[in-house]
PDB file of N, CA and C in Angstrom:
ATOM      1  N   UNK A   1     -27.529 108.429  -4.773  1.00  0.00           N
ATOM      2  CA  UNK A   1     -26.487 107.921  -5.193  1.00  0.00           C
ATOM      3  C   UNK A   1     -25.742 108.268  -3.981  1.00  0.00           C
ATOM      4  N   UNK A   2     -25.281 106.264  -3.855  1.00  0.00           N
ATOM      5  CA  UNK A   2     -24.296 106.674  -1.970  1.00  0.00           C
ATOM      6  C   UNK A   2     -22.799 106.651  -3.314  1.00  0.00           C
ATOM      7  N   UNK A   3     -22.098 107.585  -1.855  1.00  0.00           N
ATOM      8  CA  UNK A   3     -20.576 108.514  -2.364  1.00  0.00           C
ATOM      9  C   UNK A   3     -20.201 107.230  -2.282  1.00  0.00           C
ATOM     10  N   UNK A   4     -18.753 107.435  -2.749  1.00  0.00           N
ATOM     11  CA  UNK A   4     -17.631 105.520  -2.380  1.00  0.00           C
ATOM     12  C   UNK A   4     -16.618 106.499  -1.724  1.00  0.00           C
ATOM     13  N   UNK A   5     -16.344 105.821  -0.482  1.00  0.00           N
ATOM     14  CA  UNK A   5     -15.033 106.011   0.878  1.00  0.00           C
ATOM     15  C   UNK A   5     -14.108 106.548   0.009  1.00  0.00           C
ATOM     16  N   UNK A   6     -13.556 106.903   0.725  1.00  0.00           N
ATOM     17  CA  UNK A   6     -12.365 107.739   0.678  1.00  0.00           C
ATOM     18  C   UNK A   6     -11.129 106.693   0.206  1.00  0.00           C
ATOM     19  N   UNK A   7     -10.227 106.853  -0.330  1.00  0.00           N
ATOM     20  CA  UNK A   7      -8.836 106.026  -0.590  1.00  0.00           C
ATOM     21  C   UNK A   7      -8.430 106.399   1.133  1.00  0.00           C
ATOM     22  N   UNK A   8      -7.601 105.256   1.821  1.00  0.00           N
ATOM     23  CA  UNK A   8      -6.503 105.215   2.681  1.00  0.00           C
ATOM     24  C   UNK A   8      -5.957 105.639   2.254  1.00  0.00           C
ATOM     25  N   UNK A   9      -5.128 107.171   3.466  1.00  0.00           N
ATOM     26  CA  UNK A   9      -3.631 107.640   2.882  1.00  0.00           C
ATOM     27  C   UNK A   9      -2.209 106.930   3.631  1.00  0.00           C
ATOM     28  N   UNK A  10      -1.409 105.851   2.999  1.00  0.00           N
ATOM     29  CA  UNK A  10      -0.599 105.023   3.235  1.00  0.00           C
ATOM     30  C   UNK A  10       1.082 105.857   4.227  1.00  0.00           C
ATOM     31  N   UNK A  11       0.832 105.361   5.518  1.00  0.00           N
ATOM     32  CA  UNK A  11       1.907 106.483   5.854  1.00  0.00           C
ATOM     33  C   UNK A  11       3.048 104.695   6.029  1.00  0.00           C
ATOM     34  N   UNK A  12       4.158 105.066   6.607  1.00  0.00           N
ATOM     35  CA  UNK A  12       5.422 103.650   6.631  1.00  0.00           C
ATOM     36  C   UNK A  12       6.008 104.109   7.805  1.00  0.00           C
ATOM     37  N   UNK A  13       6.824 102.859   8.317  1.00  0.00           N
ATOM     38  CA  UNK A  13       7.898 103.513   9.267  1.00  0.00           C
ATOM     39  C   UNK A  13       9.053 104.133   9.068  1.00  0.00           C
ATOM     40  N   UNK A  14       8.963 103.222   7.909  1.00  0.00           N
ATOM     41  CA  UNK A  14      10.468 103.860   6.681  1.00  0.00           C
ATOM     42  C   UNK A  14       9.943 102.992   4.961  1.00  0.00           C
ATOM     43  N   UNK A  15      10.897 103.349   4.167  1.00  0.00           N
ATOM     44  CA  UNK A  15      10.433 103.875   2.641  1.00  0.00           C
ATOM     45  C   UNK A  15      12.111 102.371   2.406  1.00  0.00           C
ATOM     46  N   UNK A  16      12.825 102.558   2.707  1.00  0.00           N
ATOM     47  CA  UNK A  16      14.221 101.418   2.275  1.00  0.00           C
ATOM     48  C   UNK A  16      13.908 100.399   3.426  1.00  0.00           C
ATOM     49  N   UNK A  17      14.289  99.149   3.515  1.00  0.00           N
ATOM     50  CA  UNK A  17      14.604  98.446   4.833  1.00  0.00           C
ATOM     51  C   UNK A  17      15.930  97.079   4.167  1.00  0.00           C
ATOM     52  N   UNK A  18      16.332  96.440   5.148  1.00  0.00           N
ATOM     53  CA  UNK A  18      17.785  95.117   4.882  1.00  0.00           C
ATOM     54  C   UNK A  18      16.223  95.002   4.700  1.00  0.00           C
ATOM     55  N   UNK A  19      16.766  93.066   4.218  1.00  0.00           N
ATOM     56  CA  UNK A  19      16.129  92.066   3.789  1.00  0.00           C
ATOM     57  C   UNK A  19      16.027  91.121   5.580  1.00  0.00           C
ATOM     58  N   UNK A  20      14.802  90.686   5.726  1.00  0.00           N
ATOM     59  CA  UNK A  20      14.673  90.373   6.401  1.00  0.00           C
ATOM     60  C   UNK A  20      14.210  91.496   8.471  1.00  0.00           C
ATOM     61  N   UNK A  21      14.296  92.880   7.809  1.00  0.00           N
ATOM     62  CA  UNK A  21      13.169  93.720   8.675  1.00  0.00           C
ATOM     63  C   UNK A  21      11.648  93.843   8.406  1.00  0.00           C
ATOM     64  N   UNK A  22      11.414  93.891   9.586  1.00  0.00           N
ATOM     65  CA  UNK A  22       9.998  94.511  10.104  1.00  0.00           C
ATOM     66  C   UNK A  22       9.411  96.051   9.518  1.00  0.00           C
ATOM     67  N   UNK A  23       9.072  96.168   8.613  1.00  0.00           N
ATOM     68  CA  UNK A  23       7.985  97.480   8.715  1.00  0.00           C
ATOM     69  C   UNK A  23       6.708  97.201   9.373  1.00  0.00           C
ATOM     70  N   UNK A  24       6.409  98.941   9.299  1.00  0.00           N
ATOM     71  CA  UNK A  24       4.797  98.888   9.548  1.00  0.00           C
ATOM     72  C   UNK A  24       4.085 100.030   9.145  1.00  0.00           C
ATOM     73  N   UNK A  25       3.315  99.504   8.417  1.00  0.00           N
ATOM     74  CA  UNK A  25       2.432 100.836   6.591  1.00  0.00           C
ATOM     75  C   UNK A  25       0.988 100.968   7.725  1.00  0.00           C
ATOM     76  N   UNK A  26       0.850 102.075   8.073  1.00  0.00           N
ATOM     77  CA  UNK A  26      -0.352 102.806   8.480  1.00  0.00           C
ATOM     78  C   UNK A  26      -1.490 102.993   7.279  1.00  0.00           C
ATOM     79  N   UNK A  27      -2.740 103.009   6.806  1.00  0.00           N
ATOM     80  CA  UNK A  27      -3.923 103.652   6.348  1.00  0.00           C
ATOM     81  C   UNK A  27      -4.340 104.173   7.270  1.00  0.00           C
ATOM     82  N   UNK A  28      -4.639 105.183   6.659  1.00  0.00           N
ATOM     83  CA  UNK A  28      -5.440 106.570   6.901  1.00  0.00           C
ATOM     84  C   UNK A  28      -6.392 107.138   6.516  1.00  0.00           C
ATOM     85  N   UNK A  29      -7.791 107.423   7.317  1.00  0.00           N
ATOM     86  CA  UNK A  29      -8.118 108.433   6.449  1.00  0.00           C
ATOM     87  C   UNK A  29      -9.688 107.489   6.051  1.00  0.00           C
ATOM     88  N   UNK A  30      -9.974 105.680   6.495  1.00  0.00           N
ATOM     89  CA  UNK A  30     -10.186 104.931   6.084  1.00  0.00           C
ATOM     90  C   UNK A  30     -11.959 105.128   6.981  1.00  0.00           C
ATOM     91  N   UNK A  31     -13.439 105.262   7.107  1.00  0.00           N
ATOM     92  CA  UNK A  31     -13.774 104.351   8.245  1.00  0.00           C
ATOM     93  C   UNK A  31     -14.502 104.021   8.391  1.00  0.00           C
ATOM     94  N   UNK A  32     -13.968 102.657   7.682  1.00  0.00           N
ATOM     95  CA  UNK A  32     -14.506 100.955   7.860  1.00  0.00           C
ATOM     96  C   UNK A  32     -13.312 100.423   7.401  1.00  0.00           C
ATOM     97  N   UNK A  33     -12.930  99.546   7.501  1.00  0.00           N
ATOM     98  CA  UNK A  33     -11.806  98.664   7.077  1.00  0.00           C
ATOM     99  C   UNK A  33     -11.278  98.387   5.718  1.00  0.00           C
ATOM    100  N   UNK A  34      -9.865  98.706   5.972  1.00  0.00           N
ATOM    101  CA  UNK A  34      -8.612  99.209   4.839  1.00  0.00           C
ATOM    102  C   UNK A  34      -8.391  97.411   4.708  1.00  0.00           C
ATOM    103  N   UNK A  35      -8.321  96.880   3.926  1.00  0.00           N
ATOM    104  CA  UNK A  35      -7.611  96.173   3.055  1.00  0.00           C
ATOM    105  C   UNK A  35      -6.361  95.834   1.728  1.00  0.00           C
ATOM    106  N   UNK A  36      -5.141  95.778   2.916  1.00  0.00           N
ATOM    107  CA  UNK A  36      -4.397  95.957   2.064  1.00  0.00           C
ATOM    108  C   UNK A  36      -4.227  94.830   0.570  1.00  0.00           C
ATOM    109  N   UNK A  37      -3.111  96.088  -0.328  1.00  0.00           N
ATOM    110  CA  UNK A  37      -2.299  94.776  -2.198  1.00  0.00           C
ATOM    111  C   UNK A  37      -2.297  93.118  -0.941  1.00  0.00           C
ATOM    112  N   UNK A  38      -1.654  93.036  -0.322  1.00  0.00           N
ATOM    113  CA  UNK A  38      -1.021  92.156   0.005  1.00  0.00           C
ATOM    114  C   UNK A  38      -2.052  90.813   1.512  1.00  0.00           C
ATOM    115  N   UNK A  39      -3.387  91.782   1.474  1.00  0.00           N
ATOM    116  CA  UNK A  39      -4.425  90.198   1.124  1.00  0.00           C
ATOM    117  C   UNK A  39      -4.770  90.941   2.687  1.00  0.00           C
ATOM    118  N   UNK A  40      -3.945  91.679   4.140  1.00  0.00           N
ATOM    119  CA  UNK A  40      -4.346  92.016   5.239  1.00  0.00           C
ATOM    120  C   UNK A  40      -4.880  92.577   5.627  1.00  0.00           C
ATOM    121  N   UNK A  41      -5.958  92.799   6.320  1.00  0.00           N
ATOM    122  CA  UNK A  41      -6.877  93.743   6.885  1.00  0.00           C
ATOM    123  C   UNK A  41      -6.541  94.590   8.357  1.00  0.00           C
ATOM    124  N   UNK A  42      -6.758  95.159   8.296  1.00  0.00           N
ATOM    125  CA  UNK A  42      -6.491  96.352   9.298  1.00  0.00           C
ATOM    126  C   UNK A  42      -6.119  97.798   9.024  1.00  0.00           C
ATOM    127  N   UNK A  43      -6.567  98.579  10.030  1.00  0.00           N
ATOM    128  CA  UNK A  43      -5.268 100.163   9.645  1.00  0.00           C
ATOM    129  C   UNK A  43      -4.202  99.767   9.879  1.00  0.00           C
ATOM    130  N   UNK A  44      -3.362  99.136  10.377  1.00  0.00           N
ATOM    131  CA  UNK A  44      -2.436  98.832  10.828  1.00  0.00           C
ATOM    132  C   UNK A  44      -1.426  97.356   9.727  1.00  0.00           C
ATOM    133  N   UNK A  45      -0.332  97.172   9.562  1.00  0.00           N
ATOM    134  CA  UNK A  45       0.111  96.138  10.005  1.00  0.00           C
ATOM    135  C   UNK A  45       1.460  96.313   8.813  1.00  0.00           C
ATOM    136  N   UNK A  46       1.958  94.416  10.315  1.00  0.00           N
ATOM    137  CA  UNK A  46       3.039  94.990  10.328  1.00  0.00           C
ATOM    138  C   UNK A  46       4.157  94.007   8.303  1.00  0.00           C
ATOM    139  N   UNK A  47       5.134  94.226   7.979  1.00  0.00           N
ATOM    140  CA  UNK A  47       4.762  93.337   6.653  1.00  0.00           C
ATOM    141  C   UNK A  47       6.572  93.047   6.986  1.00  0.00           C
ATOM    142  N   UNK A  48       7.043  91.761   6.289  1.00  0.00           N
ATOM    143  CA  UNK A  48       8.634  91.991   5.907  1.00  0.00           C
ATOM    144  C   UNK A  48       8.822  91.376   4.974  1.00  0.00           C
ATOM    145  N   UNK A  49       8.854  91.966   4.293  1.00  0.00           N
ATOM    146  CA  UNK A  49       9.215  91.372   2.460  1.00  0.00           C
ATOM    147  C   UNK A  49      10.008  91.626   2.065  1.00  0.00           C
ATOM    148  N   UNK A  50      10.641  90.735   1.287  1.00  0.00           N
ATOM    149  CA  UNK A  50      11.924  90.071   1.325  1.00  0.00           C
ATOM    150  C   UNK A  50      12.775  90.700   0.245  1.00  0.00           C
ATOM    151  N   UNK A  51      11.939  91.090  -0.752  1.00  0.00           N
ATOM    152  CA  UNK A  51      11.296  91.877  -2.232  1.00  0.00           C
ATOM    153  C   UNK A  51      11.434  93.082  -2.149  1.00  0.00           C
ATOM    154  N   UNK A  52      11.554  94.261  -3.030  1.00  0.00           N
ATOM    155  CA  UNK A  52      10.701  95.024  -3.457  1.00  0.00           C
ATOM    156  C   UNK A  52       9.586  94.939  -4.017  1.00  0.00           C
ATOM    157  N   UNK A  53       8.327  96.147  -3.078  1.00  0.00           N
ATOM    158  CA  UNK A  53       7.467  95.223  -2.911  1.00  0.00           C
ATOM    159  C   UNK A  53       5.983  96.925  -2.922  1.00  0.00           C
ATOM    160  N   UNK A  54       4.914  96.727  -3.701  1.00  0.00           N
ATOM    161  CA  UNK A  54       4.561  98.041  -4.085  1.00  0.00           C
ATOM    162  C   UNK A  54       3.082  97.497  -3.189  1.00  0.00           C
ATOM    163  N   UNK A  55       2.728  97.960  -3.093  1.00  0.00           N
ATOM    164  CA  UNK A  55       1.778  97.619  -0.916  1.00  0.00           C
ATOM    165  C   UNK A  55      -0.087  99.252  -1.809  1.00  0.00           C
ATOM    166  N   UNK A  56      -0.945  99.086  -2.537  1.00  0.00           N
ATOM    167  CA  UNK A  56      -1.930 100.474  -2.620  1.00  0.00           C
ATOM    168  C   UNK A  56      -2.343  99.600  -0.574  1.00  0.00           C
ATOM    169  N   UNK A  57      -4.264  99.900  -1.528  1.00  0.00           N
ATOM    170  CA  UNK A  57      -4.631  99.656   0.076  1.00  0.00           C
ATOM    171  C   UNK A  57      -6.235 100.840  -0.750  1.00  0.00           C
ATOM    172  N   UNK A  58      -7.320  99.547  -0.267  1.00  0.00           N
ATOM    173  CA  UNK A  58      -8.327 100.422   0.099  1.00  0.00           C
ATOM    174  C   UNK A  58      -9.833 100.369   1.159  1.00  0.00           C
ATOM    175  N   UNK A  59     -11.023 101.136   1.597  1.00  0.00           N
ATOM    176  CA  UNK A  59     -11.919 101.141   2.169  1.00  0.00           C
ATOM    177  C   UNK A  59     -12.779 100.576   1.995  1.00  0.00           C
ATOM    178  N   UNK A  60     -13.092  99.597   2.734  1.00  0.00           N
ATOM    179  CA  UNK A  60     -14.128  99.050   2.499  1.00  0.00           C
ATOM    180  C   UNK A  60     -15.158  99.425   3.660  1.00  0.00           C
ATOM    181  N   UNK A  61     -16.930 100.588   3.299  1.00  0.00           N
ATOM    182  CA  UNK A  61     -17.644 100.655   4.315  1.00  0.00           C
ATOM    183  C   UNK A  61     -18.543  99.987   3.556  1.00  0.00           C
ATOM    184  N   UNK A  62     -19.349  99.163   4.714  1.00  0.00           N
ATOM    185  CA  UNK A  62     -21.034  98.415   3.763  1.00  0.00           C
ATOM    186  C   UNK A  62     -20.261  98.171   3.044  1.00  0.00           C
ATOM    187  N   UNK A  63     -21.022  97.593   1.893  1.00  0.00           N
ATOM    188  CA  UNK A  63     -21.438  97.128   0.456  1.00  0.00           C
ATOM    189  C   UNK A  63     -19.748  98.363  -0.680  1.00  0.00           C
ATOM    190  N   UNK A  64     -19.679  99.120   0.113  1.00  0.00           N
ATOM    191  CA  UNK A  64     -19.206 100.248  -1.071  1.00  0.00           C
ATOM    192  C   UNK A  64     -17.415 100.403  -0.502  1.00  0.00           C
ATOM    193  N   UNK A  65     -16.682  99.927  -1.972  1.00  0.00           N
ATOM    194  CA  UNK A  65     -15.398 100.293  -1.204  1.00  0.00           C
ATOM    195  C   UNK A  65     -14.183 101.959  -2.650  1.00  0.00           C
ATOM    196  N   UNK A  66     -13.461 102.219  -2.441  1.00  0.00           N
ATOM    197  CA  UNK A  66     -13.025 103.385  -2.091  1.00  0.00           C
ATOM    198  C   UNK A  66     -12.032 102.401  -3.402  1.00  0.00           C
ATOM    199  N   UNK A  67     -11.653 103.639  -4.148  1.00  0.00           N
ATOM    200  CA  UNK A  67     -10.586 103.314  -5.388  1.00  0.00           C
ATOM    201  C   UNK A  67      -9.129 102.649  -4.292  1.00  0.00           C
ATOM    202  N   UNK A  68      -8.676 102.505  -4.936  1.00  0.00           N
ATOM    203  CA  UNK A  68      -6.814 101.870  -4.826  1.00  0.00           C
ATOM    204  C   UNK A  68      -6.184 103.103  -3.910  1.00  0.00           C
ATOM    205  N   UNK A  69      -5.560 103.482  -3.194  1.00  0.00           N
ATOM    206  CA  UNK A  69      -4.863 104.128  -2.617  1.00  0.00           C
ATOM    207  C   UNK A  69      -3.824 105.240  -3.415  1.00  0.00           C
ATOM    208  N   UNK A  70      -2.816 105.709  -3.145  1.00  0.00           N
ATOM    209  CA  UNK A  70      -2.143 105.516  -3.987  1.00  0.00           C
ATOM    210  C   UNK A  70      -0.810 104.757  -3.865  1.00  0.00           C
ATOM    211  N   UNK A  71       0.479 104.375  -3.884  1.00  0.00           N
ATOM    212  CA  UNK A  71       1.499 103.124  -4.575  1.00  0.00           C
ATOM    213  C   UNK A  71       2.028 103.720  -3.311  1.00  0.00           C
ATOM    214  N   UNK A  72       2.118 102.728  -1.945  1.00  0.00           N
ATOM    215  CA  UNK A  72       3.447 102.657  -1.597  1.00  0.00           C
ATOM    216  C   UNK A  72       4.921 101.920  -1.844  1.00  0.00           C
ATOM    217  N   UNK A  73       6.010 102.270  -2.096  1.00  0.00           N
ATOM    218  CA  UNK A  73       6.416 100.705  -2.272  1.00  0.00           C
ATOM    219  C   UNK A  73       7.703 101.545  -2.167  1.00  0.00           C
ATOM    220  N   UNK A  74       8.188  99.987  -0.763  1.00  0.00           N
ATOM    221  CA  UNK A  74       9.392  98.906  -0.142  1.00  0.00           C
ATOM    222  C   UNK A  74      10.823  99.080  -0.239  1.00  0.00           C
ATOM    223  N   UNK A  75      11.480  99.466  -0.533  1.00  0.00           N
ATOM    224  CA  UNK A  75      12.819  99.191  -1.491  1.00  0.00           C
ATOM    225  C   UNK A  75      14.073  97.857  -0.143  1.00  0.00           C
ATOM    226  N   UNK A  76      14.022  97.496  -0.346  1.00  0.00           N
ATOM    227  CA  UNK A  76      14.450  95.903  -0.160  1.00  0.00           C
ATOM    228  C   UNK A  76      15.842  95.963  -0.448  1.00  0.00           C
ATOM    229  N   UNK A  77      17.281  96.803   0.457  1.00  0.00           N
ATOM    230  CA  UNK A  77      18.365  96.194   0.288  1.00  0.00           C
ATOM    231  C   UNK A  77      18.975  95.247   0.872  1.00  0.00           C
ATOM    232  N   UNK A  78      20.884  94.346   0.426  1.00  0.00           N
ATOM    233  CA  UNK A  78      21.056  94.250   1.095  1.00  0.00           C
ATOM    234  C   UNK A  78      21.671  94.842   2.201  1.00  0.00           C
ATOM    235  N   UNK A  79      22.061  94.189   3.695  1.00  0.00           N
ATOM    236  CA  UNK A  79      22.900  95.001   4.908  1.00  0.00           C
ATOM    237  C   UNK A  79      23.604  95.263   4.258  1.00  0.00           C
ATOM    238  N   UNK A  80      23.829  97.163   5.147  1.00  0.00           N
ATOM    239  CA  UNK A  80      25.661  97.409   4.433  1.00  0.00           C
ATOM    240  C   UNK A  80      25.825  97.412   5.986  1.00  0.00           C
ATOM    241  N   UNK A  81      27.738  96.609   5.466  1.00  0.00           N
ATOM    242  CA  UNK A  81      28.327  95.852   5.966  1.00  0.00           C
ATOM    243  C   UNK A  81      28.459  96.737   6.940  1.00  0.00           C
ATOM    244  N   UNK A  82      29.475  96.915   8.191  1.00  0.00           N
ATOM    245  CA  UNK A  82      29.727  97.876   9.798  1.00  0.00           C
ATOM    246  C   UNK A  82      30.848  97.546   8.710  1.00  0.00           C
ATOM    247  N   UNK A  83      31.907  99.099   9.769  1.00  0.00           N
ATOM    248  CA  UNK A  83      32.531  99.518   9.032  1.00  0.00           C
ATOM    249  C   UNK A  83      34.192  98.840   9.880  1.00  0.00           C
TER     250      UNK A  83
END
């Protein structure tokens, strides 16, 4: 019996950003390759969503894949006007 890899744990630099901002997502706890729901691969990715988006990730070790991670929702809002 081959054990499935553990699902990565997603951390992010913020959960709410303004349109046009870039944010970094990291996947922790994977001894293989992390594939993100937007198709990018790597332990850390930079994203620039233009609308509220939900991200998940899987860990792949050899031919075995983990279940999807818990979802990380990045909320995109309008910039706050200066006072």
